[in-house]
């Protein structure tokens, strides 16, 4: 029943959120500033999108802002 849940959730994400997940999967140590530069949106927009991804249980931060990393949560 849970099978495919993560895939269905990702399909409902806006493009910038999908790109954030893709980039953090490729490089868990990527910074918000780097995400903003690559995606072409402000760091404020990155913060808002990350907040939504965390709320949906798809992304979490492990450790501090400096030296920590992103983890994609598997459903």
N, C-alpha and C. Protein backbone atom coordinates (compact mmCIF):
# COMPACT_ATOMS: atom_id res chain seq x y z
N UNK A 1 0.82 -1.19 0.00
CA UNK A 1 0.00 0.00 0.00
C UNK A 1 0.86 1.26 0.00
N UNK A 2 1.98 1.20 0.72
CA UNK A 2 2.89 2.34 0.78
C UNK A 2 3.75 2.40 -0.47
N UNK A 3 3.85 1.27 -1.16
CA UNK A 3 4.67 1.20 -2.37
C UNK A 3 4.25 2.27 -3.37
N UNK A 4 5.23 3.03 -3.84
CA UNK A 4 4.93 4.08 -4.81
C UNK A 4 4.51 5.40 -4.19
N UNK A 5 4.38 5.45 -2.87
CA UNK A 5 3.96 6.68 -2.21
C UNK A 5 4.94 7.81 -2.47
N UNK A 6 6.23 7.54 -2.32
CA UNK A 6 7.25 8.56 -2.55
C UNK A 6 7.18 9.08 -3.98
N UNK A 7 7.00 8.17 -4.93
CA UNK A 7 6.94 8.58 -6.33
C UNK A 7 5.73 9.48 -6.60
N UNK A 8 4.59 9.14 -5.99
CA UNK A 8 3.39 9.96 -6.18
C UNK A 8 3.56 11.33 -5.54
N UNK A 9 4.22 11.38 -4.39
CA UNK A 9 4.46 12.67 -3.73
C UNK A 9 5.36 13.55 -4.58
N UNK A 10 6.42 12.96 -5.13
CA UNK A 10 7.36 13.73 -5.94
C UNK A 10 6.67 14.29 -7.18
N UNK A 11 5.75 13.54 -7.77
CA UNK A 11 5.03 14.01 -8.95
C UNK A 11 4.23 15.28 -8.65
N UNK A 12 3.79 15.45 -7.41
CA UNK A 12 2.98 16.60 -7.03
C UNK A 12 3.82 17.83 -6.66
N UNK A 13 5.12 17.68 -6.58
CA UNK A 13 5.99 18.79 -6.19
C UNK A 13 6.16 19.75 -7.35
N UNK A 14 6.37 21.01 -7.01
CA UNK A 14 6.66 21.99 -8.05
C UNK A 14 8.06 21.72 -8.58
N UNK A 15 8.36 22.27 -9.74
CA UNK A 15 9.63 21.98 -10.41
C UNK A 15 10.84 22.31 -9.54
N UNK A 16 10.81 23.46 -8.85
CA UNK A 16 11.97 23.83 -8.04
C UNK A 16 12.18 22.84 -6.89
N UNK A 17 11.11 22.32 -6.33
CA UNK A 17 11.24 21.33 -5.26
C UNK A 17 11.81 20.02 -5.81
N UNK A 18 11.40 19.64 -7.00
CA UNK A 18 11.94 18.44 -7.63
C UNK A 18 13.44 18.61 -7.88
N UNK A 19 13.82 19.80 -8.32
CA UNK A 19 15.24 20.06 -8.60
C UNK A 19 16.06 20.07 -7.31
N UNK A 20 15.49 20.62 -6.23
CA UNK A 20 16.18 20.61 -4.94
C UNK A 20 16.44 19.17 -4.51
N UNK A 21 15.43 18.31 -4.62
CA UNK A 21 15.61 16.90 -4.25
C UNK A 21 16.68 16.23 -5.11
N UNK A 22 16.64 16.49 -6.40
CA UNK A 22 17.62 15.89 -7.32
C UNK A 22 19.03 16.34 -6.97
N UNK A 23 19.20 17.65 -6.76
CA UNK A 23 20.53 18.19 -6.48
C UNK A 23 21.06 17.74 -5.12
N UNK A 24 20.19 17.66 -4.12
CA UNK A 24 20.64 17.22 -2.80
C UNK A 24 20.95 15.72 -2.80
N UNK A 25 20.29 14.97 -3.67
CA UNK A 25 20.60 13.54 -3.80
C UNK A 25 21.98 13.38 -4.44
N UNK A 26 22.26 14.20 -5.46
CA UNK A 26 23.55 14.14 -6.14
C UNK A 26 24.69 14.63 -5.25
N UNK A 27 24.41 15.65 -4.41
CA UNK A 27 25.43 16.22 -3.53
C UNK A 27 24.79 16.60 -2.20
N UNK A 28 24.79 15.69 -1.23
CA UNK A 28 24.15 15.96 0.06
C UNK A 28 24.75 17.15 0.82
N UNK A 29 25.95 17.57 0.45
CA UNK A 29 26.62 18.68 1.14
C UNK A 29 26.41 20.03 0.45
N UNK A 30 25.54 20.08 -0.55
CA UNK A 30 25.30 21.32 -1.29
C UNK A 30 24.68 22.37 -0.36
N UNK A 31 25.09 23.63 -0.57
CA UNK A 31 24.57 24.72 0.27
C UNK A 31 23.31 25.32 -0.34
N UNK A 32 22.57 26.04 0.47
CA UNK A 32 21.37 26.73 -0.03
C UNK A 32 21.76 27.75 -1.09
N UNK A 33 22.90 28.41 -0.89
CA UNK A 33 23.37 29.40 -1.87
C UNK A 33 23.66 28.72 -3.21
N UNK A 34 24.31 27.56 -3.16
CA UNK A 34 24.59 26.82 -4.40
C UNK A 34 23.30 26.37 -5.07
N UNK A 35 22.34 25.89 -4.28
CA UNK A 35 21.05 25.50 -4.84
C UNK A 35 20.40 26.67 -5.56
N UNK A 36 20.42 27.84 -4.91
CA UNK A 36 19.80 29.03 -5.49
C UNK A 36 20.46 29.40 -6.81
N UNK A 37 21.79 29.36 -6.85
CA UNK A 37 22.52 29.71 -8.07
C UNK A 37 22.23 28.74 -9.21
N UNK A 38 22.21 27.45 -8.91
CA UNK A 38 21.98 26.44 -9.94
C UNK A 38 20.54 26.49 -10.46
N UNK A 39 19.58 26.61 -9.54
CA UNK A 39 18.17 26.61 -9.94
C UNK A 39 17.74 27.95 -10.52
N UNK A 40 18.40 29.02 -10.07
CA UNK A 40 18.07 30.35 -10.59
C UNK A 40 16.97 31.05 -9.82
N UNK A 41 16.87 30.76 -8.52
CA UNK A 41 15.90 31.44 -7.66
C UNK A 41 16.64 31.97 -6.44
N UNK A 42 15.98 32.81 -5.66
CA UNK A 42 16.61 33.42 -4.49
C UNK A 42 16.80 32.41 -3.36
N UNK A 43 17.68 32.74 -2.43
CA UNK A 43 17.87 31.86 -1.28
C UNK A 43 16.61 31.84 -0.41
N UNK A 44 15.85 32.93 -0.42
CA UNK A 44 14.57 32.97 0.30
C UNK A 44 13.61 31.95 -0.30
N UNK A 45 13.57 31.87 -1.62
CA UNK A 45 12.71 30.89 -2.30
C UNK A 45 13.19 29.47 -2.00
N UNK A 46 14.50 29.28 -1.93
CA UNK A 46 15.05 27.97 -1.56
C UNK A 46 14.57 27.59 -0.17
N UNK A 47 14.66 28.55 0.78
CA UNK A 47 14.21 28.30 2.16
C UNK A 47 12.74 27.88 2.20
N UNK A 48 11.90 28.57 1.44
CA UNK A 48 10.47 28.26 1.42
C UNK A 48 10.22 26.87 0.85
N UNK A 49 10.92 26.53 -0.22
CA UNK A 49 10.76 25.21 -0.83
C UNK A 49 11.27 24.10 0.09
N UNK A 50 12.40 24.34 0.75
CA UNK A 50 12.94 23.35 1.68
C UNK A 50 11.98 23.15 2.84
N UNK A 51 11.39 24.24 3.31
CA UNK A 51 10.41 24.15 4.40
C UNK A 51 9.25 23.23 4.00
N UNK A 52 8.77 23.38 2.76
CA UNK A 52 7.68 22.54 2.27
C UNK A 52 8.11 21.08 2.14
N UNK A 53 9.33 20.86 1.66
CA UNK A 53 9.84 19.49 1.53
C UNK A 53 9.98 18.82 2.90
N UNK A 54 10.44 19.60 3.88
CA UNK A 54 10.55 19.07 5.25
C UNK A 54 9.17 18.75 5.80
N UNK A 55 8.21 19.66 5.56
CA UNK A 55 6.84 19.47 6.05
C UNK A 55 6.22 18.21 5.46
N UNK A 56 6.55 17.91 4.20
CA UNK A 56 6.03 16.72 3.53
C UNK A 56 6.82 15.46 3.91
N UNK A 57 7.86 15.65 4.71
CA UNK A 57 8.65 14.51 5.17
C UNK A 57 9.57 13.93 4.12
N UNK A 58 9.97 14.74 3.14
CA UNK A 58 10.80 14.24 2.04
C UNK A 58 12.27 14.60 2.19
N UNK A 59 12.58 15.61 3.01
CA UNK A 59 13.95 16.09 3.13
C UNK A 59 14.22 16.49 4.56
N UNK A 60 15.42 16.19 5.04
CA UNK A 60 15.80 16.69 6.36
C UNK A 60 17.28 17.04 6.37
N UNK A 61 17.62 17.90 7.31
CA UNK A 61 19.00 18.34 7.46
C UNK A 61 19.62 17.59 8.62
N UNK A 62 20.78 17.01 8.38
CA UNK A 62 21.53 16.31 9.42
C UNK A 62 22.73 17.18 9.77
N UNK A 63 22.81 17.57 11.04
CA UNK A 63 23.94 18.39 11.48
C UNK A 63 23.69 19.87 11.27
N UNK A 64 24.72 20.68 11.54
CA UNK A 64 24.59 22.13 11.45
C UNK A 64 24.59 22.63 10.00
N UNK A 65 24.27 23.92 9.84
CA UNK A 65 24.28 24.52 8.50
C UNK A 65 25.66 24.38 7.85
N UNK A 66 26.70 24.62 8.64
CA UNK A 66 28.07 24.44 8.12
C UNK A 66 28.57 23.09 8.59
N UNK A 67 28.84 22.21 7.65
CA UNK A 67 29.36 20.90 7.99
C UNK A 67 28.31 19.80 8.01
N UNK A 68 27.05 20.17 7.93
CA UNK A 68 25.98 19.18 7.90
C UNK A 68 25.69 18.74 6.47
N UNK A 69 24.66 17.93 6.32
CA UNK A 69 24.30 17.46 4.98
C UNK A 69 22.80 17.22 4.90
N UNK A 70 22.30 17.11 3.67
CA UNK A 70 20.89 16.86 3.40
C UNK A 70 20.65 15.37 3.28
N UNK A 71 19.50 14.93 3.76
CA UNK A 71 19.12 13.53 3.62
C UNK A 71 17.71 13.47 3.04
N UNK A 72 17.57 12.71 1.96
CA UNK A 72 16.26 12.50 1.37
C UNK A 72 15.63 11.33 2.11
N UNK A 73 14.42 11.55 2.60
CA UNK A 73 13.73 10.55 3.40
C UNK A 73 12.96 9.62 2.49
N UNK A 74 13.26 8.33 2.58
CA UNK A 74 12.54 7.33 1.78
C UNK A 74 11.27 6.94 2.50
N UNK A 75 10.16 6.93 1.75
CA UNK A 75 8.87 6.56 2.35
C UNK A 75 8.74 5.06 2.40
